[in-house]
């Protein structure tokens, strides 16, 4: 799995959702850490998480 690190997980989620990209797993929050998974056009599942 490949990860993209962002400062604002909520803004990244809005960007992905707003561009009609398939969300595979909604935002999961564990303390200060949060992540969600989405699918690229080839079907690969990728992760965005905060740093």
PDB file of N, CA and C in Angstrom:
ATOM      1  N   UNK A   1       0.841  -1.168   0.000  1.00  0.00           N
ATOM      2  CA  UNK A   1       0.000   0.000   0.000  1.00  0.00           C
ATOM      3  C   UNK A   1       0.895   1.242   0.000  1.00  0.00           C
ATOM      4  N   UNK A   2       0.465   2.250  -0.691  1.00  0.00           N
ATOM      5  CA  UNK A   2       1.202   3.506  -0.806  1.00  0.00           C
ATOM      6  C   UNK A   2       0.495   4.572   0.016  1.00  0.00           C
ATOM      7  N   UNK A   3       1.265   5.389   0.730  1.00  0.00           N
ATOM      8  CA  UNK A   3       0.692   6.443   1.582  1.00  0.00           C
ATOM      9  C   UNK A   3       1.048   7.829   1.075  1.00  0.00           C
ATOM     10  N   UNK A   4       0.086   8.731   1.146  1.00  0.00           N
ATOM     11  CA  UNK A   4       0.320  10.151   0.934  1.00  0.00           C
ATOM     12  C   UNK A   4       0.142  10.827   2.283  1.00  0.00           C
ATOM     13  N   UNK A   5       1.094  11.658   2.684  1.00  0.00           N
ATOM     14  CA  UNK A   5       1.001  12.371   3.955  1.00  0.00           C
ATOM     15  C   UNK A   5       0.505  13.791   3.714  1.00  0.00           C
ATOM     16  N   UNK A   6      -0.450  14.230   4.518  1.00  0.00           N
ATOM     17  CA  UNK A   6      -1.019  15.574   4.415  1.00  0.00           C
ATOM     18  C   UNK A   6      -1.099  16.192   5.811  1.00  0.00           C
ATOM     19  N   UNK A   7      -1.152  17.518   5.852  1.00  0.00           N
ATOM     20  CA  UNK A   7      -1.319  18.202   7.141  1.00  0.00           C
ATOM     21  C   UNK A   7      -2.774  18.224   7.575  1.00  0.00           C
ATOM     22  N   UNK A   8      -3.704  18.355   6.618  1.00  0.00           N
ATOM     23  CA  UNK A   8      -5.131  18.477   6.930  1.00  0.00           C
ATOM     24  C   UNK A   8      -5.905  17.323   6.289  1.00  0.00           C
ATOM     25  N   UNK A   9      -6.181  16.298   7.060  1.00  0.00           N
ATOM     26  CA  UNK A   9      -6.857  15.107   6.556  1.00  0.00           C
ATOM     27  C   UNK A   9      -8.266  15.428   6.062  1.00  0.00           C
ATOM     28  N   UNK A  10      -8.952  16.341   6.729  1.00  0.00           N
ATOM     29  CA  UNK A  10     -10.316  16.682   6.329  1.00  0.00           C
ATOM     30  C   UNK A  10     -10.333  17.399   4.979  1.00  0.00           C
ATOM     31  N   UNK A  11      -9.375  18.275   4.751  1.00  0.00           N
ATOM     32  CA  UNK A  11      -9.276  18.980   3.470  1.00  0.00           C
ATOM     33  C   UNK A  11      -8.927  17.996   2.351  1.00  0.00           C
ATOM     34  N   UNK A  12      -8.036  17.055   2.624  1.00  0.00           N
ATOM     35  CA  UNK A  12      -7.679  16.038   1.633  1.00  0.00           C
ATOM     36  C   UNK A  12      -8.895  15.167   1.295  1.00  0.00           C
ATOM     37  N   UNK A  13      -9.662  14.813   2.309  1.00  0.00           N
ATOM     38  CA  UNK A  13     -10.866  14.005   2.092  1.00  0.00           C
ATOM     39  C   UNK A  13     -11.859  14.756   1.203  1.00  0.00           C
ATOM     40  N   UNK A  14     -12.070  16.049   1.489  1.00  0.00           N
ATOM     41  CA  UNK A  14     -12.990  16.861   0.677  1.00  0.00           C
ATOM     42  C   UNK A  14     -12.517  16.932  -0.773  1.00  0.00           C
ATOM     43  N   UNK A  15     -11.207  17.064  -0.976  1.00  0.00           N
ATOM     44  CA  UNK A  15     -10.651  17.132  -2.321  1.00  0.00           C
ATOM     45  C   UNK A  15     -10.912  15.833  -3.088  1.00  0.00           C
ATOM     46  N   UNK A  16     -10.618  14.697  -2.451  1.00  0.00           N
ATOM     47  CA  UNK A  16     -10.820  13.395  -3.097  1.00  0.00           C
ATOM     48  C   UNK A  16     -12.303  13.189  -3.403  1.00  0.00           C
ATOM     49  N   UNK A  17     -13.139  13.405  -2.422  1.00  0.00           N
ATOM     50  CA  UNK A  17     -14.591  13.226  -2.586  1.00  0.00           C
ATOM     51  C   UNK A  17     -15.144  14.181  -3.648  1.00  0.00           C
ATOM     52  N   UNK A  18     -14.674  15.434  -3.642  1.00  0.00           N
ATOM     53  CA  UNK A  18     -15.139  16.441  -4.582  1.00  0.00           C
ATOM     54  C   UNK A  18     -14.745  16.165  -6.018  1.00  0.00           C
ATOM     55  N   UNK A  19     -13.744  15.306  -6.209  1.00  0.00           N
ATOM     56  CA  UNK A  19     -13.310  14.935  -7.554  1.00  0.00           C
ATOM     57  C   UNK A  19     -13.844  13.566  -7.971  1.00  0.00           C
ATOM     58  N   UNK A  20     -14.876  13.129  -7.266  1.00  0.00           N
ATOM     59  CA  UNK A  20     -15.562  11.859  -7.571  1.00  0.00           C
ATOM     60  C   UNK A  20     -14.621  10.662  -7.623  1.00  0.00           C
ATOM     61  N   UNK A  21     -13.654  10.656  -6.706  1.00  0.00           N
ATOM     62  CA  UNK A  21     -12.748   9.516  -6.577  1.00  0.00           C
ATOM     63  C   UNK A  21     -13.334   8.594  -5.520  1.00  0.00           C
ATOM     64  N   UNK A  22     -13.333   7.303  -5.800  1.00  0.00           N
ATOM     65  CA  UNK A  22     -13.983   6.338  -4.906  1.00  0.00           C
ATOM     66  C   UNK A  22     -13.254   6.228  -3.569  1.00  0.00           C
ATOM     67  N   UNK A  23     -13.979   6.510  -2.493  1.00  0.00           N
ATOM     68  CA  UNK A  23     -13.472   6.325  -1.125  1.00  0.00           C
ATOM     69  C   UNK A  23     -13.728   4.872  -0.737  1.00  0.00           C
ATOM     70  N   UNK A  24     -12.677   4.171  -0.343  1.00  0.00           N
ATOM     71  CA  UNK A  24     -12.782   2.757   0.028  1.00  0.00           C
ATOM     72  C   UNK A  24     -13.022   2.612   1.530  1.00  0.00           C
ATOM     73  N   UNK A  25     -12.389   3.477   2.322  1.00  0.00           N
ATOM     74  CA  UNK A  25     -12.558   3.470   3.786  1.00  0.00           C
ATOM     75  C   UNK A  25     -12.660   4.907   4.249  1.00  0.00           C
ATOM     76  N   UNK A  26     -13.695   5.199   4.996  1.00  0.00           N
ATOM     77  CA  UNK A  26     -13.905   6.541   5.530  1.00  0.00           C
ATOM     78  C   UNK A  26     -12.778   6.899   6.503  1.00  0.00           C
ATOM     79  N   UNK A  27     -12.686   8.153   6.883  1.00  0.00           N
ATOM     80  CA  UNK A  27     -11.624   8.599   7.794  1.00  0.00           C
ATOM     81  C   UNK A  27     -11.696   7.829   9.104  1.00  0.00           C
ATOM     82  N   UNK A  28     -10.575   7.271   9.481  1.00  0.00           N
ATOM     83  CA  UNK A  28     -10.425   6.584  10.774  1.00  0.00           C
ATOM     84  C   UNK A  28      -9.487   7.435  11.612  1.00  0.00           C
ATOM     85  N   UNK A  29      -9.899   7.764  12.816  1.00  0.00           N
ATOM     86  CA  UNK A  29      -9.085   8.605  13.705  1.00  0.00           C
ATOM     87  C   UNK A  29      -8.636   7.786  14.912  1.00  0.00           C
ATOM     88  N   UNK A  30      -7.329   7.824  15.149  1.00  0.00           N
ATOM     89  CA  UNK A  30      -6.728   7.115  16.276  1.00  0.00           C
ATOM     90  C   UNK A  30      -5.840   8.130  16.991  1.00  0.00           C
ATOM     91  N   UNK A  31      -6.372   8.740  18.037  1.00  0.00           N
ATOM     92  CA  UNK A  31      -5.637   9.818  18.711  1.00  0.00           C
ATOM     93  C   UNK A  31      -5.430  10.970  17.746  1.00  0.00           C
ATOM     94  N   UNK A  32      -4.176  11.401  17.579  1.00  0.00           N
ATOM     95  CA  UNK A  32      -3.850  12.478  16.651  1.00  0.00           C
ATOM     96  C   UNK A  32      -3.664  11.995  15.220  1.00  0.00           C
ATOM     97  N   UNK A  33      -3.609  10.691  15.026  1.00  0.00           N
ATOM     98  CA  UNK A  33      -3.396  10.111  13.696  1.00  0.00           C
ATOM     99  C   UNK A  33      -4.740   9.828  13.026  1.00  0.00           C
ATOM    100  N   UNK A  34      -4.818  10.104  11.719  1.00  0.00           N
ATOM    101  CA  UNK A  34      -6.033   9.807  10.961  1.00  0.00           C
ATOM    102  C   UNK A  34      -5.647   9.389   9.552  1.00  0.00           C
ATOM    103  N   UNK A  35      -6.494   8.558   8.937  1.00  0.00           N
ATOM    104  CA  UNK A  35      -6.235   8.113   7.572  1.00  0.00           C
ATOM    105  C   UNK A  35      -7.539   7.720   6.895  1.00  0.00           C
ATOM    106  N   UNK A  36      -7.503   7.635   5.576  1.00  0.00           N
ATOM    107  CA  UNK A  36      -8.588   7.052   4.802  1.00  0.00           C
ATOM    108  C   UNK A  36      -8.002   6.456   3.530  1.00  0.00           C
ATOM    109  N   UNK A  37      -8.740   5.550   2.919  1.00  0.00           N
ATOM    110  CA  UNK A  37      -8.287   4.874   1.702  1.00  0.00           C
ATOM    111  C   UNK A  37      -9.174   5.244   0.530  1.00  0.00           C
ATOM    112  N   UNK A  38      -8.551   5.344  -0.632  1.00  0.00           N
ATOM    113  CA  UNK A  38      -9.294   5.613  -1.857  1.00  0.00           C
ATOM    114  C   UNK A  38      -8.732   4.741  -2.968  1.00  0.00           C
ATOM    115  N   UNK A  39      -9.437   4.705  -4.093  1.00  0.00           N
ATOM    116  CA  UNK A  39      -9.052   3.828  -5.197  1.00  0.00           C
ATOM    117  C   UNK A  39      -8.685   4.667  -6.411  1.00  0.00           C
ATOM    118  N   UNK A  40      -7.546   4.364  -7.020  1.00  0.00           N
ATOM    119  CA  UNK A  40      -7.146   5.085  -8.228  1.00  0.00           C
ATOM    120  C   UNK A  40      -7.860   4.485  -9.444  1.00  0.00           C
ATOM    121  N   UNK A  41      -7.733   5.106 -10.624  1.00  0.00           N
ATOM    122  CA  UNK A  41      -8.456   4.607 -11.812  1.00  0.00           C
ATOM    123  C   UNK A  41      -8.106   3.171 -12.209  1.00  0.00           C
ATOM    124  N   UNK A  42      -6.923   2.686 -11.796  1.00  0.00           N
ATOM    125  CA  UNK A  42      -6.533   1.307 -12.099  1.00  0.00           C
ATOM    126  C   UNK A  42      -7.006   0.315 -11.059  1.00  0.00           C
ATOM    127  N   UNK A  43      -7.683   0.790 -10.029  1.00  0.00           N
ATOM    128  CA  UNK A  43      -8.200  -0.098  -8.989  1.00  0.00           C
ATOM    129  C   UNK A  43      -7.286  -0.298  -7.806  1.00  0.00           C
ATOM    130  N   UNK A  44      -6.125   0.379  -7.806  1.00  0.00           N
ATOM    131  CA  UNK A  44      -5.210   0.275  -6.674  1.00  0.00           C
ATOM    132  C   UNK A  44      -5.759   1.054  -5.485  1.00  0.00           C
ATOM    133  N   UNK A  45      -5.623   0.491  -4.297  1.00  0.00           N
ATOM    134  CA  UNK A  45      -6.066   1.172  -3.082  1.00  0.00           C
ATOM    135  C   UNK A  45      -4.882   1.937  -2.513  1.00  0.00           C
ATOM    136  N   UNK A  46      -5.094   3.238  -2.293  1.00  0.00           N
ATOM    137  CA  UNK A  46      -4.072   4.125  -1.757  1.00  0.00           C
ATOM    138  C   UNK A  46      -4.550   4.723  -0.451  1.00  0.00           C
ATOM    139  N   UNK A  47      -3.616   5.204   0.359  1.00  0.00           N
ATOM    140  CA  UNK A  47      -3.971   5.762   1.667  1.00  0.00           C
ATOM    141  C   UNK A  47      -3.494   7.201   1.757  1.00  0.00           C
ATOM    142  N   UNK A  48      -4.311   8.033   2.380  1.00  0.00           N
ATOM    143  CA  UNK A  48      -3.903   9.381   2.760  1.00  0.00           C
ATOM    144  C   UNK A  48      -3.949   9.426   4.276  1.00  0.00           C
ATOM    145  N   UNK A  49      -2.865   9.899   4.895  1.00  0.00           N
ATOM    146  CA  UNK A  49      -2.835  10.018   6.348  1.00  0.00           C
ATOM    147  C   UNK A  49      -2.190  11.336   6.733  1.00  0.00           C
ATOM    148  N   UNK A  50      -2.470  11.773   7.963  1.00  0.00           N
ATOM    149  CA  UNK A  50      -1.893  13.029   8.429  1.00  0.00           C
ATOM    150  C   UNK A  50      -0.502  12.782   8.997  1.00  0.00           C
ATOM    151  N   UNK A  51       0.284  13.853   9.048  1.00  0.00           N
ATOM    152  CA  UNK A  51       1.642  13.714   9.557  1.00  0.00           C
ATOM    153  C   UNK A  51       1.776  14.234  10.962  1.00  0.00           C
TER     154      UNK A  51
END
